[in-house]
């Protein structure tokens, strides 16, 4: 895989809702801690992605063989790297536009090396049968039906011998749905440049292997998250210096065009298990834990976990600690309290001593639970937190509301329109809508318009309920709270003007406010911007609700 798609698991608010697993799954068993992956088989003497190349990979002593899978026109799963057959066969055309009969009659030859012997494009099922109990498969899932691939893997009894590289968010969803016990491999997106950005990225989905991390600190960060790093070292001039540099990063696997030579090098230098590191303390995780987690605290009577929240309590809770309530996004129809980023929990509860709550609320479904159900639930959870403040010795008179998208909207709406006791001391709005009456930014038939109509059950932008659901209509000098707004300049769902209008009104009323626009971001932000968002959000919280 010289060219790879950069996989975008970066939308903070709702992209992966309902698809993230709580736990990683084990990788295929290997007798070596540093695994060797034969890139498209061992094709040093035979063409890539042929049965001969895979047989040679087994003989080389490699732990995995990388296999590229595509679907033929009539739905057969075949093994071929390129989208067309032009480079590696005597034919032309796209794999997806040729039948299996047409594909199997083609002659595969390595034109670059001028081999005389002809080979055939194999079926995926043939490769599975060849590799069973001999070598693990690194499946590069190019363009095919995931359900069919899973069936063939199960039919071959290879569920414990396959890890899958995926190229897109839909593939991530489908493989997690179809085969939750099969580990996944992805590339970090191009924006990820340092360990902090990588930590954010890894919190957006559960994965088992990364394959394009070239910084030692980032490798260590991945490993701290339980994610292995398998580095691509294959290139035309691949040599021992490449292997040495990669191993020194602390990676757990190397993908190579020269598996036999790499295995020989590793054995000769006693590196088959990588660089020996100091044994990890099995209790380190617990020693480092700086906060307690209390899951699914019930605050209301709605079914299906819709009236529960998770609390994160500092280990050394100080009397009078202040409270931060996070409200998740998802267009008021999906999302979950588990979306609150772990980095923020660690920073706010673990390091800065805040009591943090991440809240579920009733979601609109099949025409039920429409507004104002959501704001009623936020009232209930604030009442619950307030009622228990004295018992647990925290300060519920000083609350920060923070939310993404729909959660940002509910945070502002509660703070400006429903906080009669004036408990909310600051608001952090992450790309949430502020004025649902503004049809200029939600034209008929758009996702933005349909989302609002579904939420309210009302098409008329001038209807009373539309105003009742718009934070900007409740904002006055008396009701306002210091508010920081973060927004993408190219947000297609919540137009940036929503944040700009509210910011202007906050300024006119003399209420502390700050607007941070990320010109190239859409709805949600990537890792690079997210690190900046977190930093500035924390600064805002500590400025207007310091946890002294």
Protein backbone atom coordinates (compact mmCIF):
# COMPACT_ATOMS: atom_id res chain seq x y z
CA UNK A 1 0.00 0.00 0.00
CA UNK A 2 2.23 2.81 -1.21
CA UNK A 3 -0.75 5.12 -1.61
CA UNK A 4 -3.32 5.15 1.18
CA UNK A 5 -6.43 7.11 1.91
CA UNK A 6 -6.21 9.16 5.09
CA UNK A 7 -9.04 8.00 7.27
CA UNK A 8 -11.09 10.82 8.81
CA UNK A 9 -12.28 9.78 12.28
CA UNK A 10 -12.23 13.38 13.35
CA UNK A 11 -15.76 14.75 13.79
CA UNK A 12 -16.15 15.44 17.47
CA UNK A 13 -19.89 15.55 17.81
CA UNK A 14 -21.67 12.79 15.98
CA UNK A 15 -19.83 11.06 13.17
CA UNK A 16 -19.26 7.79 15.00
CA UNK A 17 -22.27 7.85 17.32
CA UNK A 18 -23.49 4.33 17.84
CA UNK A 19 -20.47 2.69 16.22
CA UNK A 20 -17.69 3.11 18.77
CA UNK A 21 -16.80 0.03 20.77
CA UNK A 22 -15.92 0.32 24.45
CA UNK A 23 -13.02 -2.11 24.25
CA UNK A 24 -10.38 -3.05 21.75
CA UNK A 25 -10.28 -6.58 20.41
CA UNK A 26 -7.16 -8.77 20.46
CA UNK A 27 -4.89 -8.97 17.45
CA UNK A 28 -4.26 -12.34 15.77
CA UNK A 29 -1.82 -14.44 17.77
CA UNK A 30 1.80 -14.28 16.70
CA UNK A 31 4.86 -15.97 18.17
CA UNK A 32 6.86 -12.77 17.61
CA UNK A 33 6.27 -9.46 19.39
CA UNK A 34 7.61 -7.49 16.42
CA UNK A 35 5.52 -8.70 13.51
CA UNK A 36 6.68 -8.77 9.90
CA UNK A 37 4.02 -8.07 7.25
CA UNK A 38 4.78 -9.20 3.70
CA UNK A 39 3.47 -6.40 1.50
CA UNK A 40 1.23 -7.97 -1.18
CA UNK A 41 3.02 -11.24 -0.39
CA UNK A 42 6.68 -11.94 -0.98
CA UNK A 43 6.88 -10.63 -4.54
CA UNK A 44 10.66 -10.38 -4.83
CA UNK A 45 10.62 -13.16 -7.46
CA UNK A 46 6.95 -13.54 -8.40
CA UNK A 47 4.14 -11.04 -9.10
CA UNK A 48 2.38 -9.37 -6.18
CA UNK A 49 -0.99 -10.56 -4.86
CA UNK A 50 -0.71 -14.01 -6.41
CA UNK A 51 -0.92 -17.38 -4.68
CA UNK A 52 2.78 -17.83 -5.43
CA UNK A 53 3.60 -14.55 -3.65
CA UNK A 54 1.55 -15.62 -0.62
CA UNK A 55 3.23 -19.05 -0.54
CA UNK A 56 6.62 -17.34 -0.58
CA UNK A 57 5.52 -15.06 2.27
CA UNK A 58 4.71 -18.13 4.35
CA UNK A 59 8.13 -19.62 3.57
CA UNK A 60 9.85 -16.32 4.45
CA UNK A 61 8.80 -16.55 8.10
CA UNK A 62 6.61 -13.44 7.98
CA UNK A 63 3.83 -13.15 10.56
CA UNK A 64 1.28 -11.52 8.25
CA UNK A 65 0.70 -11.26 4.56
CA UNK A 66 -0.97 -8.13 3.19
CA UNK A 67 -3.87 -8.97 0.85
CA UNK A 68 -5.79 -6.43 -1.28
CA UNK A 69 -9.45 -7.28 -1.86
CA UNK A 70 -11.86 -5.94 -4.47
CA UNK A 71 -15.16 -7.09 -5.95
CA UNK A 72 -15.69 -8.14 -9.55
CA UNK A 73 -18.65 -6.97 -11.59
CA UNK A 74 -20.62 -10.07 -10.59
CA UNK A 75 -19.73 -9.80 -6.90
CA UNK A 76 -16.81 -12.20 -6.53
CA UNK A 77 -14.16 -11.15 -4.04
CA UNK A 78 -10.79 -11.11 -5.80
CA UNK A 79 -7.28 -10.19 -4.75
CA UNK A 80 -5.82 -7.29 -6.72
CA UNK A 81 -4.28 -4.02 -5.60
CA UNK A 82 -5.05 -1.54 -8.39
CA UNK A 83 -8.54 -0.41 -9.34
CA UNK A 84 -7.68 -1.50 -12.91
CA UNK A 85 -5.94 -4.60 -14.25
CA UNK A 86 -3.77 -2.54 -16.61
CA UNK A 87 -0.49 -2.59 -14.66
CA UNK A 88 -0.32 -6.22 -13.59
CA UNK A 89 -2.09 -8.19 -16.35
CA UNK A 90 -2.38 -8.58 -20.11
CA UNK A 91 -5.83 -6.97 -19.97
CA UNK A 92 -7.34 -3.56 -19.42
CA UNK A 93 -10.28 -2.15 -17.51
CA UNK A 94 -11.55 -1.74 -13.98
CA UNK A 95 -11.79 -4.76 -11.72
CA UNK A 96 -15.31 -3.68 -10.77
CA UNK A 97 -16.37 -3.72 -14.44
CA UNK A 98 -15.04 -7.18 -15.25
CA UNK A 99 -16.70 -10.50 -14.37
CA UNK A 100 -14.88 -13.20 -12.44
CA UNK A 101 -14.70 -15.29 -15.63
CA UNK A 102 -12.99 -12.41 -17.41
CA UNK A 103 -10.63 -11.76 -14.51
CA UNK A 104 -9.52 -15.34 -14.01
CA UNK A 105 -8.62 -15.70 -17.68
CA UNK A 106 -6.17 -12.79 -17.47
CA UNK A 107 -2.44 -13.48 -17.16
CA UNK A 108 -0.71 -11.74 -14.27
CA UNK A 109 2.89 -10.79 -14.96
CA UNK A 110 5.17 -8.35 -13.26
CA UNK A 111 5.76 -6.00 -16.17
CA UNK A 112 8.25 -3.94 -14.18
CA UNK A 113 10.44 -6.99 -13.63
CA UNK A 114 9.80 -8.63 -16.97
CA UNK A 115 8.87 -12.08 -15.63
CA UNK A 116 8.08 -14.67 -18.31
CA UNK A 117 5.89 -16.99 -16.26
CA UNK A 118 2.20 -16.08 -16.08
CA UNK A 119 0.05 -16.24 -12.94
CA UNK A 120 -3.63 -15.67 -12.20
CA UNK A 121 -5.68 -13.29 -10.11
CA UNK A 122 -6.82 -15.37 -7.13
CA UNK A 123 -10.14 -15.42 -5.31
CA UNK A 124 -10.12 -14.18 -1.73
CA UNK A 125 -11.45 -17.57 -0.64
CA UNK A 126 -8.40 -19.26 -2.23
CA UNK A 127 -6.03 -17.01 -0.31
CA UNK A 128 -7.87 -17.66 2.96
CA UNK A 129 -7.57 -21.41 2.43
CA UNK A 130 -3.86 -21.11 1.61
CA UNK A 131 -3.07 -19.00 4.70
CA UNK A 132 -5.15 -20.86 7.29
CA UNK A 133 -3.00 -21.92 10.26
CA UNK A 134 0.14 -20.81 8.39
CA UNK A 135 0.16 -17.00 8.38
CA UNK A 136 -2.10 -14.14 9.50
CA UNK A 137 -3.77 -11.84 6.97
CA UNK A 138 -3.50 -8.06 6.90
CA UNK A 139 -6.57 -7.41 4.77
CA UNK A 140 -6.45 -4.14 2.84
CA UNK A 141 -10.15 -3.75 2.13
CA UNK A 142 -10.18 -1.79 -1.11
CA UNK A 143 -13.66 -1.93 -2.63
CA UNK A 144 -16.02 -4.77 -1.82
CA UNK A 145 -18.97 -5.92 0.29
CA UNK A 146 -17.92 -6.19 3.95
CA UNK A 147 -20.70 -8.66 4.79
CA UNK A 148 -19.53 -11.01 2.05
CA UNK A 149 -15.90 -10.70 3.13
CA UNK A 150 -16.88 -11.55 6.70
CA UNK A 151 -18.84 -14.60 5.52
CA UNK A 152 -15.85 -15.88 3.55
CA UNK A 153 -13.53 -15.29 6.51
CA UNK A 154 -15.89 -17.21 8.80
CA UNK A 155 -16.43 -20.00 6.27
CA UNK A 156 -12.66 -20.43 6.15
CA UNK A 157 -12.41 -20.47 9.95
CA UNK A 158 -10.05 -17.48 9.78
CA UNK A 159 -11.77 -15.06 12.20
CA UNK A 160 -8.78 -15.26 14.57
CA UNK A 161 -6.22 -14.74 11.81
CA UNK A 162 -7.34 -11.51 10.13
CA UNK A 163 -6.87 -7.79 10.83
CA UNK A 164 -8.52 -5.33 8.43
CA UNK A 165 -7.20 -2.05 7.06
CA UNK A 166 -10.10 0.27 6.28
CA UNK A 167 -10.16 3.28 3.98
CA UNK A 168 -13.24 5.28 5.00
CA UNK A 169 -15.74 6.06 7.74
CA UNK A 170 -18.47 3.92 6.09
CA UNK A 171 -16.06 0.99 6.03
CA UNK A 172 -15.30 1.55 9.72
CA UNK A 173 -19.01 1.46 10.54
CA UNK A 174 -19.70 -1.58 8.41
CA UNK A 175 -16.82 -3.67 9.72
CA UNK A 176 -17.63 -2.80 13.33
CA UNK A 177 -21.24 -3.82 12.66
CA UNK A 178 -20.48 -6.97 10.70
CA UNK A 179 -17.46 -8.24 12.62
CA UNK A 180 -16.95 -6.51 16.00
CA UNK A 181 -14.38 -9.13 17.01
CA UNK A 182 -12.06 -8.51 14.04
CA UNK A 183 -9.37 -5.87 14.74
CA UNK A 184 -9.11 -2.79 12.55
CA UNK A 185 -6.10 -0.94 11.15
CA UNK A 186 -6.27 2.70 10.05
CA UNK A 187 -4.05 5.59 9.05
CA UNK A 188 -4.15 8.72 11.20
CA UNK A 189 -5.40 11.69 9.21
CA UNK A 190 -2.89 14.14 7.78
CA UNK A 191 -3.73 16.79 10.37
CA UNK A 192 -2.31 14.68 13.20
CA UNK A 193 1.14 16.13 13.76
CA UNK A 194 1.91 15.59 17.46
CA UNK A 195 1.04 13.40 20.43
CA UNK A 196 -1.74 15.68 21.70
CA UNK A 197 -3.50 15.67 18.35
CA UNK A 198 -3.02 11.90 18.14
CA UNK A 199 -4.59 11.46 21.57
CA UNK A 200 -7.65 13.39 20.37
CA UNK A 201 -7.80 11.30 17.20
CA UNK A 202 -7.64 8.02 19.10
CA UNK A 203 -10.53 9.06 21.31
CA UNK A 204 -12.87 9.31 18.31
CA UNK A 205 -13.08 5.58 17.64
CA UNK A 206 -11.84 2.25 18.93
CA UNK A 207 -9.05 0.86 16.76
CA UNK A 208 -6.32 -1.69 17.23
CA UNK A 209 -3.50 -0.65 14.86
CA UNK A 210 -2.14 2.57 13.33
CA UNK A 211 0.16 2.37 10.34
CA UNK A 212 1.66 5.77 9.58
CA UNK A 213 3.16 7.20 12.79
CA UNK A 214 6.81 8.22 12.41
CA UNK A 215 7.43 10.11 15.66
CA UNK A 216 8.69 8.33 18.78
CA UNK A 217 6.47 10.29 21.17
CA UNK A 218 3.43 9.61 18.99
CA UNK A 219 4.24 5.89 18.89
CA UNK A 220 4.42 5.92 22.68
CA UNK A 221 1.09 7.77 22.86
CA UNK A 222 -0.56 5.19 20.60
CA UNK A 223 0.82 2.41 22.77
CA UNK A 224 -0.52 4.11 25.91
CA UNK A 225 -3.96 3.87 24.31
CA UNK A 226 -3.41 0.17 23.66
CA UNK A 227 -2.94 0.78 19.93
CA UNK A 228 -0.12 -1.00 18.08
CA UNK A 229 1.87 0.78 15.38
CA UNK A 230 2.78 -1.16 12.24
CA UNK A 231 5.01 0.97 10.08
CA UNK A 232 5.33 0.79 6.29
CA UNK A 233 9.00 0.53 5.41
CA UNK A 234 8.57 -0.75 1.87
CA UNK A 235 9.97 1.32 -0.96
CA UNK A 236 12.20 0.75 -3.95
CA UNK A 237 15.46 1.09 -2.04
CA UNK A 238 14.30 -0.46 1.25
CA UNK A 239 17.26 -1.56 3.38
CA UNK A 240 18.52 -2.32 6.89
CA UNK A 241 18.81 1.37 7.79
CA UNK A 242 15.06 1.76 7.21
CA UNK A 243 14.35 -1.22 9.46
CA UNK A 244 16.67 0.01 12.19
CA UNK A 245 15.15 3.51 12.25
CA UNK A 246 11.62 2.14 12.40
CA UNK A 247 12.42 -0.33 15.18
CA UNK A 248 14.04 2.43 17.24
CA UNK A 249 10.70 4.26 17.24
CA UNK A 250 9.29 1.42 19.31
CA UNK A 251 6.80 0.12 16.73
CA UNK A 252 5.18 -3.31 16.95
CA UNK A 253 5.28 -4.25 13.27
CA UNK A 254 6.97 -3.59 9.93
CA UNK A 255 5.41 -3.96 6.49
CA UNK A 256 8.04 -4.81 3.92
CA UNK A 257 8.68 -5.75 0.29
CA UNK A 258 11.56 -7.98 1.44
CA UNK A 259 10.13 -10.22 4.18
CA UNK A 260 12.77 -12.94 4.02
CA UNK A 261 15.63 -10.43 4.28
CA UNK A 262 13.90 -8.56 7.11
CA UNK A 263 13.25 -11.75 9.10
CA UNK A 264 16.91 -12.72 8.68
CA UNK A 265 18.03 -9.26 9.85
CA UNK A 266 15.78 -9.37 12.93
CA UNK A 267 16.95 -12.83 13.95
CA UNK A 268 20.61 -11.94 13.46
CA UNK A 269 20.25 -8.85 15.67
CA UNK A 270 17.97 -10.46 18.28
CA UNK A 271 15.18 -8.05 17.36
CA UNK A 272 12.35 -10.46 16.57
CA UNK A 273 10.61 -9.14 19.68
CA UNK A 274 11.60 -5.53 19.05
CA UNK A 275 13.68 -3.42 21.41
CA UNK A 276 13.55 -4.67 24.98
CA UNK A 277 11.82 -2.11 27.18
CA UNK A 278 11.56 -1.95 30.93
CA UNK A 279 8.70 -4.15 32.13
CA UNK A 280 5.50 -2.17 32.57
CA UNK A 281 3.98 -1.81 36.03
CA UNK A 282 0.64 -3.69 35.84
CA UNK A 283 -0.81 -1.30 38.43
CA UNK A 284 0.42 1.89 36.74
CA UNK A 285 -2.98 2.68 35.26
CA UNK A 286 -4.60 2.66 38.67
CA UNK A 287 -1.81 4.62 40.31
CA UNK A 288 -2.13 7.32 37.64
CA UNK A 289 -5.92 7.52 37.88
CA UNK A 290 -6.72 11.01 39.10
CA UNK A 291 -10.50 10.80 39.15
CA UNK A 292 -13.30 8.33 39.88
CA UNK A 293 -15.94 7.41 37.34
CA UNK A 294 -19.57 6.95 38.35
CA UNK A 295 -21.55 5.61 35.41
CA UNK A 296 -25.24 5.88 34.54
CA UNK A 297 -26.50 7.91 37.47
CA UNK A 298 -30.26 8.16 37.04
CA UNK A 299 -31.81 11.63 37.28
CA UNK A 300 -35.21 11.05 35.62
CA UNK A 301 -37.66 8.38 34.51
CA UNK A 302 -37.15 8.32 30.71
CA UNK A 303 -36.46 4.78 29.40
CA UNK A 304 -33.47 3.38 27.52
CA UNK A 305 -30.77 5.26 29.42
CA UNK A 306 -31.98 8.66 28.24
CA UNK A 307 -32.14 10.16 31.74
CA UNK A 308 -28.72 9.21 33.08
CA UNK A 309 -25.37 10.90 33.36
CA UNK A 310 -21.78 9.93 34.05
CA UNK A 311 -19.88 11.74 36.79
CA UNK A 312 -16.13 12.19 37.04
CA UNK A 313 -15.03 13.01 40.58
CA UNK A 314 -11.49 14.14 41.46
CA UNK A 315 -9.68 11.60 43.65
CA UNK A 316 -8.84 14.38 46.07
CA UNK A 317 -12.15 16.19 45.94
CA UNK A 318 -11.93 19.55 47.66
CA UNK A 319 -14.93 20.90 49.46
CA UNK A 320 -16.67 23.47 47.31
CA UNK A 321 -15.36 22.07 44.02
CA UNK A 322 -17.22 23.58 41.08
CA UNK A 323 -19.22 21.70 38.46
CA UNK A 324 -18.96 21.35 34.69
CA UNK A 325 -21.89 19.80 32.81
CA UNK A 326 -21.31 18.53 29.28
CA UNK A 327 -24.26 18.04 26.90
CA UNK A 328 -23.62 15.89 23.82
CA UNK A 329 -24.53 16.67 20.22
CA UNK A 330 -26.15 14.68 17.44
CA UNK A 331 -28.94 16.78 15.95
CA UNK A 332 -31.18 16.06 18.97
CA UNK A 333 -31.74 12.56 17.51
CA UNK A 334 -28.56 10.67 18.41
CA UNK A 335 -25.35 10.90 20.39
CA UNK A 336 -24.32 9.78 23.83
CA UNK A 337 -22.66 11.03 27.01
CA UNK A 338 -19.65 8.83 26.25
CA UNK A 339 -18.63 11.32 23.55
CA UNK A 340 -17.09 13.72 26.07
CA UNK A 341 -13.36 13.62 25.20
CA UNK A 342 -11.17 11.79 27.68
CA UNK A 343 -8.51 14.48 27.43
CA UNK A 344 -10.95 17.04 28.80
CA UNK A 345 -12.07 14.74 31.60
CA UNK A 346 -8.47 14.18 32.63
CA UNK A 347 -7.67 17.88 32.43
CA UNK A 348 -10.81 19.20 34.17
CA UNK A 349 -11.56 16.51 36.75
CA UNK A 350 -8.13 14.94 37.12
CA UNK A 351 -5.82 17.93 37.07
CA UNK A 352 -8.00 20.93 37.91
CA UNK A 353 -10.38 19.41 40.44
CA UNK A 354 -13.76 20.13 38.84
CA UNK A 355 -16.69 17.76 39.27
CA UNK A 356 -17.65 16.84 35.70
CA UNK A 357 -20.98 15.43 34.52
CA UNK A 358 -21.69 14.20 30.98
CA UNK A 359 -25.40 13.96 30.31
CA UNK A 360 -27.83 11.94 28.23
CA UNK A 361 -31.24 13.43 27.44
CA UNK A 362 -34.34 12.34 25.55
CA UNK A 363 -33.75 12.06 21.81
CA UNK A 364 -36.29 12.77 19.10
CA UNK A 365 -37.41 9.48 17.60
CA UNK A 366 -40.40 8.61 15.42
CA UNK A 367 -42.01 11.94 16.19
CA UNK A 368 -41.69 11.52 19.95
CA UNK A 369 -39.63 13.49 22.48
CA UNK A 370 -39.67 16.67 20.47
CA UNK A 371 -38.76 20.00 22.03
CA UNK A 372 -39.09 21.01 24.86
CA UNK A 373 -38.34 17.49 26.18
CA UNK A 374 -34.58 18.11 25.96
CA UNK A 375 -34.53 21.35 27.93
CA UNK A 376 -36.83 19.75 30.52
CA UNK A 377 -34.23 17.02 30.96
CA UNK A 378 -31.42 19.55 31.38
CA UNK A 379 -33.49 21.22 34.11
CA UNK A 380 -33.91 17.85 35.82
CA UNK A 381 -30.23 17.03 35.78
CA UNK A 382 -29.29 20.47 37.14
CA UNK A 383 -31.88 20.00 39.91
CA UNK A 384 -30.44 16.55 40.70
CA UNK A 385 -26.87 17.89 40.85
CA UNK A 386 -28.02 20.78 43.05
CA UNK A 387 -29.95 18.51 45.40
CA UNK A 388 -26.88 16.33 46.05
CA UNK A 389 -24.33 19.14 46.34
CA UNK A 390 -24.35 19.38 50.14
CA UNK A 391 -24.11 15.60 50.57
CA UNK A 392 -21.03 15.33 48.35
CA UNK A 393 -19.53 18.72 49.31
CA UNK A 394 -19.28 20.27 45.85
CA UNK A 395 -20.58 23.70 44.83
CA UNK A 396 -23.66 23.55 42.58
CA UNK A 397 -24.07 27.33 42.67
CA UNK A 398 -21.17 27.63 40.23
CA UNK A 399 -21.78 25.58 37.08
CA UNK A 400 -20.27 25.70 33.60
CA UNK A 401 -22.43 24.38 30.78
CA UNK A 402 -20.56 22.99 27.80
CA UNK A 403 -21.90 21.31 24.69
CA UNK A 404 -21.25 20.37 21.09
CA UNK A 405 -23.72 21.09 18.28
CA UNK A 406 -27.20 20.27 19.68
CA UNK A 407 -25.55 20.16 23.12
CA UNK A 408 -24.14 23.65 22.62
CA UNK A 409 -27.62 24.83 21.69
CA UNK A 410 -29.12 23.32 24.87
CA UNK A 411 -26.32 24.78 27.00
CA UNK A 412 -27.04 28.30 25.77
CA UNK A 413 -30.81 27.87 25.92
CA UNK A 414 -30.73 26.71 29.53
CA UNK A 415 -28.22 29.37 30.61
CA UNK A 416 -30.08 32.30 29.02
CA UNK A 417 -33.69 31.12 29.32
CA UNK A 418 -34.13 28.66 32.18
CA UNK A 419 -31.47 29.33 34.82
CA UNK A 420 -33.72 31.12 37.32
CA UNK A 421 -31.25 30.52 40.15
CA UNK A 422 -28.34 31.95 38.12
CA UNK A 423 -26.15 28.93 38.77
CA UNK A 424 -24.52 28.99 35.33
CA UNK A 425 -21.37 31.08 35.50
CA UNK A 426 -20.02 30.35 32.01
CA UNK A 427 -21.01 28.69 28.73
CA UNK A 428 -18.81 26.87 26.22
CA UNK A 429 -20.60 26.51 22.87
CA UNK A 430 -19.05 24.18 20.31
CA UNK A 431 -20.70 24.96 16.94
CA UNK A 432 -24.26 24.95 18.31
CA UNK A 433 -27.18 26.80 16.65
CA UNK A 434 -28.33 30.01 18.30
CA UNK A 435 -31.36 31.16 16.26
CA UNK A 436 -33.68 28.50 14.82
CA UNK A 437 -35.94 31.17 13.31
CA UNK A 438 -33.28 32.18 10.80
CA UNK A 439 -34.37 30.58 7.52
CA UNK A 440 -31.58 32.32 5.65
CA UNK A 441 -29.21 29.62 6.90
CA UNK A 442 -31.55 26.65 6.57
CA UNK A 443 -33.18 26.66 3.17
CA UNK A 444 -36.08 24.32 2.46
CA UNK A 445 -35.05 20.71 2.03
CA UNK A 446 -31.51 21.06 3.38
CA UNK A 447 -30.16 18.87 6.20
CA UNK A 448 -30.13 21.92 8.45
CA UNK A 449 -33.81 22.66 7.76
CA UNK A 450 -34.96 19.05 8.10
CA UNK A 451 -33.06 18.65 11.36
CA UNK A 452 -34.71 21.69 12.93
CA UNK A 453 -38.19 20.72 11.68
CA UNK A 454 -37.77 17.21 13.07
CA UNK A 455 -36.63 18.65 16.40
CA UNK A 456 -39.53 21.07 16.73
CA UNK A 457 -42.29 19.38 14.74
CA UNK A 458 -42.89 22.79 13.19
CA UNK A 459 -42.03 24.18 9.73
CA UNK A 460 -42.94 27.81 10.38
CA UNK A 461 -39.78 29.74 11.38
CA UNK A 462 -41.97 32.41 13.01
CA UNK A 463 -43.93 29.98 15.18
CA UNK A 464 -43.77 30.60 18.91
CA UNK A 465 -42.08 27.23 19.57
CA UNK A 466 -39.27 28.13 17.17
CA UNK A 467 -38.54 31.26 19.19
CA UNK A 468 -38.87 29.33 22.45
CA UNK A 469 -36.13 27.00 21.19
CA UNK A 470 -33.76 29.81 20.13
CA UNK A 471 -31.18 30.91 22.73
CA UNK A 472 -30.72 34.33 21.15
CA UNK A 473 -34.32 35.32 21.99
CA UNK A 474 -33.72 34.78 25.72
CA UNK A 475 -30.42 36.63 25.89
CA UNK A 476 -30.58 39.87 27.89
CA UNK A 477 -28.13 41.74 30.08
CA UNK A 478 -29.77 40.09 33.09
CA UNK A 479 -29.92 36.52 31.75
CA UNK A 480 -26.59 36.36 29.92
CA UNK A 481 -23.55 34.40 31.07
CA UNK A 482 -19.96 34.70 29.85
CA UNK A 483 -19.90 32.70 26.63
CA UNK A 484 -17.15 31.41 24.39
CA UNK A 485 -18.16 30.23 20.92
CA UNK A 486 -16.18 27.93 18.62
CA UNK A 487 -17.25 27.44 15.01
CA UNK A 488 -16.09 26.15 11.65
CA UNK A 489 -16.03 28.73 8.88
CA UNK A 490 -17.37 26.20 6.37
CA UNK A 491 -19.96 24.53 8.60
CA UNK A 492 -22.71 23.22 6.24
CA UNK A 493 -25.13 22.29 9.02
CA UNK A 494 -24.95 25.24 11.42
CA UNK A 495 -23.90 28.31 9.46
CA UNK A 496 -21.11 30.34 11.05
CA UNK A 497 -23.40 33.39 11.05
CA UNK A 498 -25.31 31.73 13.91
CA UNK A 499 -22.30 32.16 16.16
CA UNK A 500 -21.53 35.62 14.75
CA UNK A 501 -25.06 36.90 15.50
CA UNK A 502 -24.98 35.71 19.09
CA UNK A 503 -21.49 37.05 19.62
CA UNK A 504 -22.55 40.47 18.35
CA UNK A 505 -25.51 40.55 20.73
CA UNK A 506 -23.36 39.45 23.68
CA UNK A 507 -20.97 42.30 22.90
CA UNK A 508 -23.78 44.84 22.60
CA UNK A 509 -25.10 43.77 26.01
CA UNK A 510 -21.67 44.02 27.60
CA UNK A 511 -21.55 40.31 28.47
CA UNK A 512 -18.08 38.75 28.34
CA UNK A 513 -17.78 36.81 25.10
CA UNK A 514 -15.26 35.41 22.68
CA UNK A 515 -15.75 33.97 19.19
CA UNK A 516 -13.18 31.63 17.69
CA UNK A 517 -13.71 30.79 14.02
CA UNK A 518 -11.69 28.08 12.27
CA UNK A 519 -11.94 29.12 8.60
CA UNK A 520 -11.45 25.71 6.97
CA UNK A 521 -13.35 23.56 9.47
CA UNK A 522 -16.85 22.25 8.91
CA UNK A 523 -19.30 20.89 11.53
CA UNK A 524 -16.90 19.70 14.17
CA UNK A 525 -13.14 20.09 14.03
CA UNK A 526 -10.09 18.04 13.23
CA UNK A 527 -7.34 17.17 15.73
CA UNK A 528 -5.18 20.24 15.07
CA UNK A 529 -8.07 22.63 15.73
CA UNK A 530 -9.42 20.47 18.56
CA UNK A 531 -6.27 20.93 20.61
CA UNK A 532 -6.69 24.70 20.27
CA UNK A 533 -10.41 24.44 21.15
CA UNK A 534 -9.63 22.47 24.31
CA UNK A 535 -6.94 24.89 25.39
CA UNK A 536 -9.10 27.98 24.93
CA UNK A 537 -12.20 26.36 26.42
CA UNK A 538 -10.27 25.50 29.58
CA UNK A 539 -8.88 29.03 29.75
CA UNK A 540 -12.43 30.40 29.52
CA UNK A 541 -13.70 28.08 32.24
CA UNK A 542 -10.88 28.98 34.60
CA UNK A 543 -11.33 32.68 33.94
CA UNK A 544 -15.06 32.83 34.65
CA UNK A 545 -15.52 29.91 37.04
CA UNK A 546 -12.12 29.25 38.65
CA UNK A 547 -11.91 26.19 40.87
CA UNK A 548 -9.96 27.83 43.69
